[in-house]
Amino acid sequence: MPTVNGTTYSDGTPEGVIRVLENARVTRYRIAIFYGDPATGKVWGDVEVGTVGRSMGPERIPIILKTSRSSGGGGILTDNIIRIEKPSAPYRLLYRAPLAPETRRETLAKAYEAWGREDILPYMDEYGNVPAGIRNSPKAGA
């Protein structure tokens, strides 16, 4: 397993992912991580938002901290990341797997489909934003 600056990453983690995660960890800025299958570009619908830290064990792995006051979090599946971006406007793409959807809207549309919420798609703007009242309703438009 590759180790960079004391952080151990899973085998198969792309160099671009390592570079972005290390930069986010050192500078402490928030990122959004979209998970999926990098070999096919299929979006799983799992999205994590927070800052990157690292565990305190003998092998220090990258973890996602939900808030600035968090002291721990879950491990990041570094070999299953298909997209990393800055999560607030103006959105900025930091990493995209070669076969992943090209735009933020396409990625979020596939995530909503994975969640069984295709009814939301007509309400998305060009950046993938959905009004909260629509997003949180049991059935959009109902």
Protein backbone atom coordinates (compact mmCIF):
# COMPACT_ATOMS: atom_id res chain seq x y z
CA MET A 1 0.00 0.00 0.00
CA PRO A 2 1.37 3.42 -0.93
CA THR A 3 2.24 5.81 1.89
CA VAL A 4 2.47 9.55 1.23
CA ASN A 5 3.44 12.05 3.96
CA GLY A 6 2.65 9.43 6.60
CA THR A 7 -0.82 8.61 5.22
CA THR A 8 -1.42 5.09 3.89
CA TYR A 9 -3.68 4.69 0.85
CA SER A 10 -5.35 1.57 -0.55
CA ASP A 11 -3.69 -0.28 -3.40
CA GLY A 12 -5.12 0.96 -6.68
CA THR A 13 -5.67 4.53 -5.48
CA PRO A 14 -5.03 6.87 -8.43
CA GLU A 15 -2.24 9.41 -8.07
CA GLY A 16 -4.72 12.24 -8.69
CA VAL A 17 -6.87 11.14 -5.72
CA ILE A 18 -3.81 10.98 -3.45
CA ARG A 19 -2.70 14.45 -4.53
CA VAL A 20 -6.15 16.02 -3.95
CA LEU A 21 -6.71 14.29 -0.58
CA GLU A 22 -3.25 15.23 0.70
CA ASN A 23 -3.74 18.84 -0.37
CA ALA A 24 -7.19 18.92 1.28
CA ARG A 25 -5.77 17.40 4.48
CA VAL A 26 -2.91 19.88 4.74
CA THR A 27 -4.97 22.98 3.84
CA ARG A 28 -8.10 21.79 5.77
CA TYR A 29 -10.62 22.79 3.09
CA ARG A 30 -13.96 21.00 2.68
CA ILE A 31 -14.46 18.59 -0.18
CA ALA A 32 -17.28 16.42 -1.51
CA ILE A 33 -16.33 12.82 -2.37
CA PHE A 34 -18.51 10.81 -4.76
CA TYR A 35 -18.07 7.03 -4.62
CA GLY A 36 -18.52 4.52 -7.40
CA ASP A 37 -16.73 1.99 -9.56
CA PRO A 38 -13.82 3.73 -11.31
CA ALA A 39 -13.47 0.86 -13.81
CA THR A 40 -17.02 1.37 -15.16
CA GLY A 41 -17.81 4.93 -14.05
CA LYS A 42 -20.97 3.68 -12.28
CA VAL A 43 -22.05 6.01 -9.49
CA TRP A 44 -23.04 4.29 -6.22
CA GLY A 45 -24.91 7.29 -4.87
CA ASP A 46 -22.65 7.65 -1.83
CA VAL A 47 -21.47 11.20 -1.21
CA GLU A 48 -19.41 12.38 1.77
CA VAL A 49 -18.72 16.03 2.57
CA GLY A 50 -16.18 17.27 5.07
CA THR A 51 -12.51 17.89 5.67
CA VAL A 52 -9.83 15.24 5.36
CA GLY A 53 -7.93 14.06 8.41
CA ARG A 54 -6.13 10.84 9.20
CA SER A 55 -6.54 8.08 11.73
CA MET A 56 -4.27 7.63 14.74
CA GLY A 57 -3.54 3.91 14.35
CA PRO A 58 -0.28 2.24 13.38
CA GLU A 59 -1.28 2.72 9.72
CA ARG A 60 -2.67 6.20 9.36
CA ILE A 61 -5.43 6.18 6.76
CA PRO A 62 -7.36 9.19 5.42
CA ILE A 63 -10.68 9.86 7.19
CA ILE A 64 -13.51 12.29 6.53
CA LEU A 65 -14.37 14.75 9.31
CA LYS A 66 -17.97 16.00 9.00
CA THR A 67 -17.44 19.31 10.82
CA SER A 68 -14.48 21.43 11.86
CA ARG A 69 -15.08 20.36 15.47
CA SER A 70 -15.08 16.61 14.69
CA SER A 71 -12.31 14.55 16.24
CA GLY A 72 -12.91 11.35 14.27
CA GLY A 73 -14.67 9.97 11.25
CA GLY A 74 -14.96 7.09 8.84
CA GLY A 75 -12.21 5.89 6.58
CA ILE A 76 -12.24 7.10 2.98
CA LEU A 77 -12.51 4.38 0.31
CA THR A 78 -9.71 5.91 -1.71
CA ASP A 79 -9.74 3.29 -4.47
CA ASN A 80 -13.48 3.80 -5.15
CA ILE A 81 -13.58 7.57 -5.64
CA ILE A 82 -14.96 8.72 -8.97
CA ARG A 83 -15.22 12.45 -8.29
CA ILE A 84 -13.93 15.02 -5.78
CA GLU A 85 -15.10 18.60 -5.83
CA LYS A 86 -15.41 21.76 -3.80
CA PRO A 87 -18.93 21.37 -2.35
CA SER A 88 -20.13 24.97 -2.33
CA ALA A 89 -20.61 27.55 -5.04
CA PRO A 90 -18.61 28.24 -7.08
CA TYR A 91 -18.25 24.50 -7.57
CA ARG A 92 -14.78 23.37 -8.58
CA LEU A 93 -13.91 19.94 -9.89
CA LEU A 94 -10.75 18.66 -8.21
CA TYR A 95 -10.68 15.08 -9.54
CA ARG A 96 -12.76 12.94 -11.91
CA ALA A 97 -12.14 9.29 -12.75
CA PRO A 98 -11.70 8.79 -16.51
CA LEU A 99 -15.00 6.92 -17.00
CA ALA A 100 -17.05 8.94 -14.47
CA PRO A 101 -19.87 11.25 -15.64
CA GLU A 102 -18.47 14.50 -16.97
CA THR A 103 -20.60 17.07 -15.15
CA ARG A 104 -21.70 17.56 -11.57
CA ARG A 105 -25.33 17.41 -12.71
CA GLU A 106 -24.79 14.03 -14.44
CA THR A 107 -23.06 12.63 -11.35
CA LEU A 108 -25.84 13.78 -9.01
CA ALA A 109 -28.52 12.53 -11.43
CA LYS A 110 -26.98 9.06 -11.31
CA ALA A 111 -26.80 9.29 -7.50
CA TYR A 112 -30.51 10.18 -7.30
CA GLU A 113 -31.27 7.24 -9.61
CA ALA A 114 -29.26 4.94 -7.32
CA TRP A 115 -31.38 6.24 -4.41
CA GLY A 116 -34.59 5.54 -6.36
CA ARG A 117 -35.45 9.24 -6.69
CA GLU A 118 -35.72 9.68 -10.47
CA ASP A 119 -38.71 12.01 -9.80
CA ILE A 120 -36.25 14.72 -8.70
CA LEU A 121 -34.38 14.93 -12.01
CA PRO A 122 -36.73 17.45 -13.74
CA TYR A 123 -36.18 19.91 -10.87
CA MET A 124 -32.34 19.95 -11.05
CA ASP A 125 -30.58 23.06 -12.27
CA GLU A 126 -27.45 22.99 -14.43
CA TYR A 127 -25.23 22.47 -11.35
CA GLY A 128 -27.30 19.61 -9.92
CA ASN A 129 -28.96 21.71 -7.22
CA VAL A 130 -32.51 20.75 -6.19
CA PRO A 131 -34.83 22.94 -4.07
CA ALA A 132 -34.94 21.60 -0.51
CA GLY A 133 -38.73 21.26 -0.52
CA ILE A 134 -38.53 18.97 -3.55
CA ARG A 135 -35.46 17.05 -2.39
CA ASN A 136 -36.92 16.29 1.06
CA SER A 137 -40.45 15.40 -0.06
CA PRO A 138 -41.50 11.75 -0.10
CA LYS A 139 -42.38 12.10 -3.79
CA ALA A 140 -41.24 15.19 -5.69
CA GLY A 141 -44.04 17.37 -7.01
CA ALA A 142 -46.65 15.63 -4.82
